[in-house]
Amino acid sequence: MTRNIVISGGGTGIGLVTAHAFAADGDRVLLLGRRAEVLEKAGVPGALTCAADLAEPGDVRRVARFVAEELGTVDVLVHNAGGAGNLEPPADSEDPLDRVYRDWTVNFRLNVLTAALLTEALKDRLAEPGGRVLLLSSIAAYRGSGRGAYAAAKAGLHPYAHDLARELGPRGITVNVVAPGYIEDTEFFGDAMDEARRERLIADTSTGRAGTPGDVAATLHWLASPGAGHITSQIIQVNGGAERGH
């Protein structure tokens, strides 16, 4: 049976590979993101696109109307939009408090508001039974990120997921979180990754390699499957053992 899949941040990286995985099943995919040109070039067979800033209530209302008109019911909602703010404009002040304000505000908007606003807007359209809500956290929620703001924002998704799981469970809807470690071939690090840092991140793993978007996409795809129907309120780590460290 064809399902309706909504993926935020669906134009690149993990979101894009996840979209291809669902499309390969014959599912109908809607890609959301801020950059219309990126969504249009994504190349996911049969995908719909809707450009929107999911941290803005007005844009999310527009997405909700689009979903109502084009899809009706949402079977799987994947929250991949986020980031550490590396691609956002820097603070326009050298004052330390202004810079802290910028980092924490940007990270909360990118990682928490995008997920909460979109979920609340589409909550009544989730298929029941069988609906799935999947949120993307990070290893940083357990180990820190070096700056605090990103890690704290991602950690904030965990209690939200637990609350949602309790709320939506009676409707036959599951809510889970996937927390990746270092994943290559995404826009996450921008130009901030050098070879020495990459080697340190890989050395933290037990598998001796960097993660790929496909590693995360396969986990999301499984959590959306009938076989994962009794799994909810869980945080699944995909980091090659790096959360345990060495």
Protein backbone atom coordinates (compact mmCIF):
# COMPACT_ATOMS: atom_id res chain seq x y z
CA MET A 1 0.00 0.00 0.00
CA THR A 2 1.34 3.42 -0.95
CA ARG A 3 2.08 5.62 2.03
CA ASN A 4 2.46 9.39 2.32
CA ILE A 5 5.87 10.40 3.68
CA VAL A 6 6.75 13.95 4.79
CA ILE A 7 10.46 14.71 5.26
CA SER A 8 11.78 18.03 6.52
CA GLY A 9 15.27 18.92 5.39
CA GLY A 10 14.62 16.51 2.54
CA GLY A 11 16.77 18.11 -0.14
CA THR A 12 20.23 17.02 1.01
CA GLY A 13 22.17 14.57 3.15
CA ILE A 14 20.28 12.20 5.42
CA GLY A 15 16.89 13.59 4.41
CA LEU A 16 17.53 13.07 0.73
CA VAL A 17 18.79 9.50 1.11
CA THR A 18 15.80 8.74 3.34
CA ALA A 19 13.47 10.15 0.70
CA HIS A 20 14.98 7.86 -1.94
CA ALA A 21 14.53 4.86 0.38
CA PHE A 22 10.82 5.49 0.76
CA ALA A 23 10.34 6.38 -2.91
CA ALA A 24 11.94 3.05 -3.83
CA ASP A 25 9.04 1.38 -1.99
CA GLY A 26 6.58 3.24 -4.18
CA ASP A 27 5.63 5.65 -1.39
CA ARG A 28 4.64 9.23 -2.12
CA VAL A 29 7.18 11.65 -0.67
CA LEU A 30 6.87 15.33 0.18
CA LEU A 31 10.19 17.15 0.62
CA LEU A 32 10.30 20.24 2.83
CA GLY A 33 13.15 22.72 3.16
CA ARG A 34 13.98 26.40 3.01
CA ARG A 35 15.67 26.34 -0.41
CA ALA A 36 13.24 25.74 -3.26
CA GLU A 37 16.04 25.23 -5.79
CA VAL A 38 17.61 22.47 -3.69
CA LEU A 39 14.30 20.66 -3.33
CA GLU A 40 13.60 20.89 -7.04
CA LYS A 41 17.00 19.37 -7.90
CA ALA A 42 16.70 16.54 -5.37
CA GLY A 43 15.73 14.01 -8.03
CA VAL A 44 13.46 11.84 -5.87
CA PRO A 45 11.05 10.00 -8.20
CA GLY A 46 7.53 11.38 -7.96
CA ALA A 47 8.32 13.63 -5.01
CA LEU A 48 6.34 16.73 -4.18
CA THR A 49 8.18 19.75 -2.80
CA CYS A 50 7.21 22.70 -0.64
CA ALA A 51 9.74 25.36 0.34
CA ALA A 52 9.22 26.76 3.83
CA ASP A 53 11.01 27.95 6.95
CA LEU A 54 9.65 25.48 9.49
CA ALA A 55 10.63 27.70 12.41
CA GLU A 56 8.04 30.24 11.24
CA PRO A 57 4.40 29.54 12.21
CA GLY A 58 3.07 31.19 9.06
CA ASP A 59 5.18 28.97 6.82
CA VAL A 60 4.15 25.88 8.78
CA ARG A 61 0.48 26.78 8.37
CA ARG A 62 1.09 26.99 4.62
CA VAL A 63 2.75 23.55 4.67
CA ALA A 64 -0.23 22.15 6.60
CA ARG A 65 -2.62 23.48 3.95
CA PHE A 66 -0.46 21.98 1.20
CA VAL A 67 -0.46 18.60 2.96
CA ALA A 68 -4.23 18.74 3.39
CA GLU A 69 -4.75 19.46 -0.31
CA GLU A 70 -2.12 17.15 -1.81
CA LEU A 71 -1.81 14.24 0.64
CA GLY A 72 -4.63 14.29 3.14
CA THR A 73 -3.14 11.73 5.52
CA VAL A 74 0.49 11.55 6.69
CA ASP A 75 1.76 8.03 7.31
CA VAL A 76 5.35 8.91 8.21
CA LEU A 77 6.68 12.28 9.40
CA VAL A 78 10.49 12.54 9.42
CA HIS A 79 12.05 15.57 11.11
CA ASN A 80 15.47 15.90 9.48
CA ALA A 81 15.65 19.70 9.39
CA GLY A 82 18.22 21.08 11.79
CA GLY A 83 21.90 21.86 12.13
CA ALA A 84 24.35 23.64 14.39
CA GLY A 85 23.95 27.03 12.74
CA ASN A 86 27.19 26.72 10.76
CA LEU A 87 25.40 27.80 7.59
CA GLU A 88 23.53 30.69 9.25
CA PRO A 89 24.70 34.35 9.22
CA PRO A 90 27.12 35.06 12.09
CA ALA A 91 26.24 37.37 14.97
CA ASP A 92 26.46 41.01 13.90
CA SER A 93 28.14 41.92 17.17
CA GLU A 94 31.42 41.13 18.90
CA ASP A 95 29.77 41.31 22.32
CA PRO A 96 30.08 37.84 23.94
CA LEU A 97 26.50 37.83 25.20
CA ASP A 98 25.16 38.75 21.77
CA ARG A 99 27.07 35.83 20.30
CA VAL A 100 25.73 33.45 22.96
CA TYR A 101 22.22 34.73 22.28
CA ARG A 102 22.66 34.12 18.56
CA ASP A 103 24.00 30.57 18.97
CA TRP A 104 21.31 29.42 21.40
CA THR A 105 18.45 31.10 19.54
CA VAL A 106 19.54 29.77 16.16
CA ASN A 107 20.01 26.24 17.45
CA PHE A 108 16.65 26.19 19.21
CA ARG A 109 14.91 27.43 16.08
CA LEU A 110 16.67 25.01 13.74
CA ASN A 111 16.35 21.87 15.84
CA VAL A 112 13.41 22.23 18.22
CA LEU A 113 10.93 24.70 16.75
CA THR A 114 11.07 23.11 13.31
CA ALA A 115 10.11 19.74 14.77
CA ALA A 116 7.54 20.97 17.28
CA LEU A 117 5.69 23.33 14.94
CA LEU A 118 5.48 20.85 12.08
CA THR A 119 4.39 18.00 14.35
CA GLU A 120 1.68 20.04 16.00
CA ALA A 121 0.45 21.31 12.63
CA LEU A 122 0.18 17.79 11.17
CA LYS A 123 -0.66 15.80 14.31
CA ASP A 124 -4.32 15.38 13.44
CA ARG A 125 -3.42 14.14 9.94
CA LEU A 126 -1.25 11.26 11.11
CA ALA A 127 -2.54 7.87 10.00
CA GLU A 128 -4.18 5.88 12.74
CA PRO A 129 -3.30 3.22 13.41
CA GLY A 130 0.16 2.94 11.89
CA GLY A 131 1.39 6.53 11.83
CA ARG A 132 5.05 7.23 12.55
CA VAL A 133 6.83 10.31 13.86
CA LEU A 134 10.63 10.18 13.60
CA LEU A 135 12.94 12.85 15.01
CA LEU A 136 16.65 13.32 14.35
CA SER A 137 18.74 14.00 17.44
CA SER A 138 22.52 13.64 17.76
CA ILE A 139 25.31 12.00 19.70
CA ALA A 140 25.91 15.54 20.94
CA ALA A 141 22.84 15.21 23.16
CA TYR A 142 24.86 12.65 25.17
CA ARG A 143 28.43 13.87 24.81
CA GLY A 144 28.13 17.61 24.23
CA SER A 145 29.03 19.49 21.10
CA GLY A 146 31.83 21.74 22.29
CA ARG A 147 29.56 24.80 22.27
CA GLY A 148 26.55 23.68 24.26
CA ALA A 149 23.73 25.18 22.22
CA TYR A 150 23.45 22.46 19.58
CA ALA A 151 23.71 19.63 22.09
CA ALA A 152 21.11 21.19 24.36
CA ALA A 153 18.71 21.73 21.46
CA LYS A 154 18.99 18.14 20.31
CA ALA A 155 18.59 16.85 23.86
CA GLY A 156 15.38 18.86 24.08
CA LEU A 157 13.83 16.62 21.44
CA HIS A 158 14.04 13.58 23.71
CA PRO A 159 11.42 14.54 26.33
CA TYR A 160 9.25 15.96 23.55
CA ALA A 161 9.34 12.55 21.83
CA HIS A 162 8.45 10.77 25.07
CA ASP A 163 5.48 13.09 25.64
CA LEU A 164 4.32 12.62 22.05
CA ALA A 165 4.61 8.85 22.32
CA ARG A 166 2.33 8.83 25.35
CA GLU A 167 -0.12 11.19 23.68
CA LEU A 168 -0.28 9.48 20.29
CA GLY A 169 0.12 5.86 21.37
CA PRO A 170 -3.60 5.33 21.97
CA ARG A 171 -4.14 6.25 18.31
CA GLY A 172 -1.72 3.53 17.19
CA ILE A 173 1.02 6.06 16.32
CA THR A 174 4.63 5.55 17.35
CA VAL A 175 7.23 8.24 18.04
CA ASN A 176 10.96 7.53 18.02
CA VAL A 177 14.26 9.38 17.85
CA VAL A 178 17.38 8.51 15.88
CA ALA A 179 20.63 10.00 17.21
CA PRO A 180 23.46 9.82 14.66
CA GLY A 181 27.14 10.27 15.36
CA TYR A 182 29.59 11.63 12.81
CA ILE A 183 27.98 11.30 9.37
CA GLU A 184 29.89 12.19 6.22
CA ASP A 185 28.47 13.59 2.97
CA THR A 186 26.11 16.10 4.55
CA GLU A 187 26.13 19.90 4.83
CA PHE A 188 26.27 19.75 8.61
CA PHE A 189 29.87 20.84 9.15
CA GLY A 190 30.05 23.29 6.27
CA ASP A 191 33.74 24.19 5.92
CA ALA A 192 34.50 23.44 9.59
CA MET A 193 35.79 19.88 9.13
CA ASP A 194 39.52 19.20 8.74
CA GLU A 195 41.27 15.86 8.41
CA ALA A 196 42.59 15.82 11.97
CA ARG A 197 39.11 16.33 13.39
CA ARG A 198 37.67 13.71 11.05
CA GLU A 199 40.25 11.18 12.22
CA ARG A 200 39.45 11.91 15.87
CA LEU A 201 35.74 11.36 15.29
CA ILE A 202 36.34 8.09 13.48
CA ALA A 203 38.77 6.96 16.20
CA ASP A 204 35.91 7.28 18.72
CA THR A 205 33.94 4.56 16.93
CA SER A 206 34.19 0.83 17.49
CA THR A 207 33.60 0.18 13.79
CA GLY A 208 36.54 2.25 12.58
CA ARG A 209 34.62 4.26 10.01
CA ALA A 210 32.49 7.35 9.57
CA GLY A 211 28.75 6.96 9.33
CA THR A 212 26.91 7.54 6.07
CA PRO A 213 23.50 9.05 5.36
CA GLY A 214 22.47 5.55 4.28
CA ASP A 215 23.15 4.20 7.78
CA VAL A 216 20.67 6.65 9.26
CA ALA A 217 18.16 6.36 6.42
CA ALA A 218 18.02 2.57 6.83
CA THR A 219 17.26 2.97 10.53
CA LEU A 220 14.51 5.50 9.86
CA HIS A 221 13.07 3.27 7.14
CA TRP A 222 12.96 0.32 9.54
CA LEU A 223 11.35 2.35 12.34
CA ALA A 224 8.62 3.29 9.85
CA SER A 225 8.00 -0.35 8.93
CA PRO A 226 5.26 -2.63 10.29
CA GLY A 227 7.99 -4.66 11.99
CA ALA A 228 8.72 -1.74 14.32
CA GLY A 229 5.09 -1.24 15.26
CA HIS A 230 5.63 -1.98 18.97
CA ILE A 231 8.69 0.26 19.29
CA THR A 232 7.97 3.74 20.59
CA SER A 233 9.46 6.41 22.86
CA GLN A 234 12.97 5.10 22.05
CA ILE A 235 16.21 6.84 21.16
CA ILE A 236 18.15 4.74 18.65
CA GLN A 237 21.83 5.61 18.39
CA VAL A 238 23.57 5.24 15.04
CA ASN A 239 27.17 6.12 15.78
CA GLY A 240 29.33 3.00 15.51
CA GLY A 241 29.69 2.88 19.29
CA ALA A 242 31.17 6.38 19.51
CA GLU A 243 28.78 7.39 22.29
CA ARG A 244 30.65 4.93 24.54
CA GLY A 245 34.00 6.36 23.50
CA HIS A 246 37.41 4.71 23.77
